[in-house]
C-alpha atoms as a PDB file:
ATOM      1  CA  MET A   1       0.575  -0.139  -0.056  1.00  0.00           C
ATOM      2  CA  LYS A   2       2.934   2.521   0.869  1.00  0.00           C
ATOM      3  CA  ASN A   3       4.619   2.000  -2.552  1.00  0.00           C
ATOM      4  CA  MET A   4       0.978   2.597  -4.365  1.00  0.00           C
ATOM      5  CA  ASN A   5       0.328   5.965  -2.366  1.00  0.00           C
ATOM      6  CA  VAL A   6       4.406   6.899  -3.069  1.00  0.00           C
ATOM      7  CA  ALA A   7       3.741   5.764  -6.870  1.00  0.00           C
ATOM      8  CA  LEU A   8       0.617   8.016  -6.857  1.00  0.00           C
ATOM      9  CA  ALA A   9       2.353  10.939  -5.243  1.00  0.00           C
ATOM     10  CA  ARG A  10       4.809  10.714  -7.559  1.00  0.00           C
ATOM     11  CA  LEU A  11       2.468  10.347 -10.651  1.00  0.00           C
ATOM     12  CA  LEU A  12       0.583  13.768  -8.958  1.00  0.00           C
ATOM     13  CA  HIS A  13       3.627  15.536  -8.169  1.00  0.00           C
ATOM     14  CA  GLY A  14       4.862  14.721 -12.156  1.00  0.00           C
ATOM     15  CA  VAL A  15       1.555  16.570 -13.044  1.00  0.00           C
ATOM     16  CA  VAL A  16       2.113  19.895 -10.992  1.00  0.00           C
ATOM     17  CA  ALA A  17       5.646  19.991 -12.284  1.00  0.00           C
ATOM     18  CA  LEU A  18       3.914  19.904 -16.071  1.00  0.00           C
ATOM     19  CA  ALA A  19       1.071  22.195 -15.524  1.00  0.00           C
ATOM     20  CA  ALA A  20       3.632  24.555 -14.117  1.00  0.00           C
ATOM     21  CA  LEU A  21       5.840  24.377 -16.747  1.00  0.00           C
ATOM     22  CA  SER A  22       2.896  24.727 -19.482  1.00  0.00           C
ATOM     23  CA  GLY A  23       1.979  27.918 -17.670  1.00  0.00           C
ATOM     24  CA  ILE A  24       5.214  29.634 -17.840  1.00  0.00           C
ATOM     25  CA  GLY A  25       6.091  28.508 -21.831  1.00  0.00           C
ATOM     26  CA  LEU A  26       2.305  29.815 -22.493  1.00  0.00           C
ATOM     27  CA  GLU A  27       3.073  32.886 -20.577  1.00  0.00           C
ATOM     28  CA  LEU A  28       6.085  33.185 -22.374  1.00  0.00           C
ATOM     29  CA  ALA A  29       5.454  32.493 -25.860  1.00  0.00           C
ATOM     30  CA  ALA A  30       3.046  35.059 -25.235  1.00  0.00           C
ATOM     31  CA  ALA A  31       5.178  37.947 -24.210  1.00  0.00           C
ATOM     32  CA  ILE A  32       7.594  37.185 -27.013  1.00  0.00           C
ATOM     33  CA  THR A  33       4.584  37.576 -29.579  1.00  0.00           C
ATOM     34  CA  GLY A  34       1.945  39.518 -27.729  1.00  0.00           C
ATOM     35  CA  GLY A  35       3.948  42.716 -26.846  1.00  0.00           C
ATOM     36  CA  ALA A  36       3.920  44.372 -23.591  1.00  0.00           C
ATOM     37  CA  GLY A  37       0.165  42.936 -22.433  1.00  0.00           C
ATOM     38  CA  ALA A  38      -0.802  44.436 -18.884  1.00  0.00           C
ATOM     39  CA  ALA A  39       2.443  45.350 -18.119  1.00  0.00           C
ATOM     40  CA  PRO A  40       3.324  49.052 -18.982  1.00  0.00           C
ATOM     41  CA  THR A  41       6.701  47.893 -20.769  1.00  0.00           C
ATOM     42  CA  HIS A  42       7.888  44.983 -22.663  1.00  0.00           C
ATOM     43  CA  LEU A  43      10.750  44.740 -20.617  1.00  0.00           C
ATOM     44  CA  GLU A  44       8.772  44.913 -17.644  1.00  0.00           C
ATOM     45  CA  ARG A  45       6.620  42.088 -18.857  1.00  0.00           C
ATOM     46  CA  PHE A  46       9.532  39.519 -18.958  1.00  0.00           C
ATOM     47  CA  VAL A  47      10.570  41.156 -15.336  1.00  0.00           C
ATOM     48  CA  ARG A  48       7.269  40.470 -14.181  1.00  0.00           C
ATOM     49  CA  LEU A  49       7.517  36.853 -15.791  1.00  0.00           C
ATOM     50  CA  PHE A  50      10.285  35.270 -14.563  1.00  0.00           C
ATOM     51  CA  SER A  51       9.446  36.936 -11.360  1.00  0.00           C
ATOM     52  CA  TYR A  52       6.777  33.943 -11.355  1.00  0.00           C
ATOM     53  CA  PHE A  53       9.153  31.732 -12.707  1.00  0.00           C
ATOM     54  CA  THR A  54      11.360  31.644  -9.966  1.00  0.00           C
ATOM     55  CA  ILE A  55       8.754  31.824  -7.298  1.00  0.00           C
ATOM     56  CA  ASP A  56       6.811  29.120  -9.420  1.00  0.00           C
ATOM     57  CA  ALA A  57       9.794  27.323  -9.841  1.00  0.00           C
ATOM     58  CA  ASN A  58      11.262  26.631  -6.282  1.00  0.00           C
ATOM     59  CA  ILE A  59       7.716  25.368  -5.424  1.00  0.00           C
ATOM     60  CA  VAL A  60       7.300  22.839  -7.983  1.00  0.00           C
ATOM     61  CA  TYR A  61      10.971  21.872  -8.056  1.00  0.00           C
ATOM     62  CA  ALA A  62      10.492  21.404  -4.232  1.00  0.00           C
ATOM     63  CA  PHE A  63       7.685  18.519  -4.385  1.00  0.00           C
ATOM     64  CA  ALA A  64       9.183  17.211  -7.885  1.00  0.00           C
ATOM     65  CA  ARG A  65      12.266  16.238  -5.839  1.00  0.00           C
ATOM     66  CA  GLY A  66      10.969  15.487  -2.757  1.00  0.00           C
ATOM     67  CA  ALA A  67       8.926  12.928  -4.663  1.00  0.00           C
ATOM     68  CA  PHE A  68      12.118  10.907  -5.509  1.00  0.00           C
ATOM     69  CA  VAL A  69      14.015  11.573  -2.694  1.00  0.00           C
ATOM     70  CA  SER A  70      11.729  11.358  -0.129  1.00  0.00           C
ATOM     71  CA  TRP A  71      13.156  14.840   1.591  1.00  0.00           C
ATOM     72  CA  TYR A  72      11.542  18.367   1.622  1.00  0.00           C
ATOM     73  CA  PRO A  73      12.700  21.634   2.258  1.00  0.00           C
ATOM     74  CA  TYR A  74      10.299  22.859   4.169  1.00  0.00           C
ATOM     75  CA  PRO A  75       7.751  20.781   7.160  1.00  0.00           C
ATOM     76  CA  PHE A  76       4.584  22.223   5.362  1.00  0.00           C
ATOM     77  CA  MET A  77       5.269  20.914   2.156  1.00  0.00           C
ATOM     78  CA  ASP A  78       6.380  17.472   3.411  1.00  0.00           C
ATOM     79  CA  VAL A  79       4.251  14.962   1.781  1.00  0.00           C
ATOM     80  CA  GLY A  80       5.537  11.738   3.537  1.00  0.00           C
ATOM     81  CA  ALA A  81       4.220  13.403   6.719  1.00  0.00           C
ATOM     82  CA  LEU A  82       1.156  15.038   5.384  1.00  0.00           C
ATOM     83  CA  GLY A  83      -0.091  13.652   2.275  1.00  0.00           C
ATOM     84  CA  PHE A  84      -0.210  15.493  -0.939  1.00  0.00           C
ATOM     85  CA  GLY A  85      -3.730  17.390  -0.809  1.00  0.00           C
ATOM     86  CA  ARG A  86      -2.216  18.731   2.760  1.00  0.00           C
ATOM     87  CA  ALA A  87       1.207  19.464   1.347  1.00  0.00           C
ATOM     88  CA  VAL A  88      -0.412  21.559  -1.712  1.00  0.00           C
ATOM     89  CA  LEU A  89      -2.563  23.289   0.593  1.00  0.00           C
ATOM     90  CA  ASN A  90      -0.017  24.508   3.201  1.00  0.00           C
ATOM     91  CA  SER A  91       2.174  25.612   0.154  1.00  0.00           C
ATOM     92  CA  VAL A  92      -1.180  27.839  -0.781  1.00  0.00           C
ATOM     93  CA  VAL A  93      -1.916  29.397   2.310  1.00  0.00           C
ATOM     94  CA  VAL A  94       1.984  30.000   2.402  1.00  0.00           C
ATOM     95  CA  ALA A  95       1.807  31.578  -0.730  1.00  0.00           C
ATOM     96  CA  VAL A  96      -1.505  33.680   0.406  1.00  0.00           C
ATOM     97  CA  ILE A  97       0.259  34.604   3.523  1.00  0.00           C
ATOM     98  CA  PHE A  98       2.935  36.203   1.447  1.00  0.00           C
ATOM     99  CA  LEU A  99       0.762  37.846  -1.118  1.00  0.00           C
ATOM    100  CA  VAL A 100      -1.371  39.569   1.489  1.00  0.00           C
ATOM    101  CA  MET A 101       2.053  40.945   3.165  1.00  0.00           C
ATOM    102  CA  ALA A 102       3.054  42.356  -0.660  1.00  0.00           C
ATOM    103  CA  PHE A 103      -0.437  43.692  -0.956  1.00  0.00           C
ATOM    104  CA  GLY A 104      -0.218  45.281   2.240  1.00  0.00           C
ATOM    105  CA  LEU A 105       3.489  46.545   1.738  1.00  0.00           C
ATOM    106  CA  ARG A 106       1.993  48.248  -1.499  1.00  0.00           C
ATOM    107  CA  LEU A 107      -0.735  49.772   0.894  1.00  0.00           C
ATOM    108  CA  LEU A 108       1.849  50.989   3.072  1.00  0.00           C
ATOM    109  CA  GLU A 109       3.741  53.023   0.671  1.00  0.00           C
ATOM    110  CA  LYS A 110       0.990  54.565  -0.755  1.00  0.00           C
ATOM    111  CA  GLN A 111       0.862  55.796   2.599  1.00  0.00           C
ATOM    112  CA  LEU A 112       4.267  57.247   2.775  1.00  0.00           C
ATOM    113  CA  PRO A 113       5.117  60.424   1.646  1.00  0.00           C
ATOM    114  CA  SER A 114       7.337  60.414  -1.732  1.00  0.00           C
ATOM    115  CA  ALA A 115      10.874  60.928  -0.729  1.00  0.00           C
ATOM    116  CA  PRO A 116      12.921  63.795  -1.493  1.00  0.00           C
ATOM    117  CA  ALA A 117      13.943  64.656  -5.177  1.00  0.00           C
ATOM    118  CA  ALA A 118      18.207  64.004  -5.604  1.00  0.00           C
END
């Protein structure tokens, strides 16, 4: 039964990695062929894309590598101890917490006075 769970976890990890890679590929193709899109400049679109890529790739890489070596860098991602669904949910919660903090800092930045011109 344990081997079956490990095989299922590895399969699901592969599906997540493939979905993330596909999304990144589609975004990269859109950035190359579609211009700036919602970003103010074409360069800004690439910066946003690769910022997303590094965050997304780290999560996907951690899950994919963990499926093969049975070790995860963070306790909230430990599929062996928590199960795949709970580990993904924990990762989503951590991501949402970071997004809330980023939006909070953005709001705080708008409230602060502008820096004097140099």
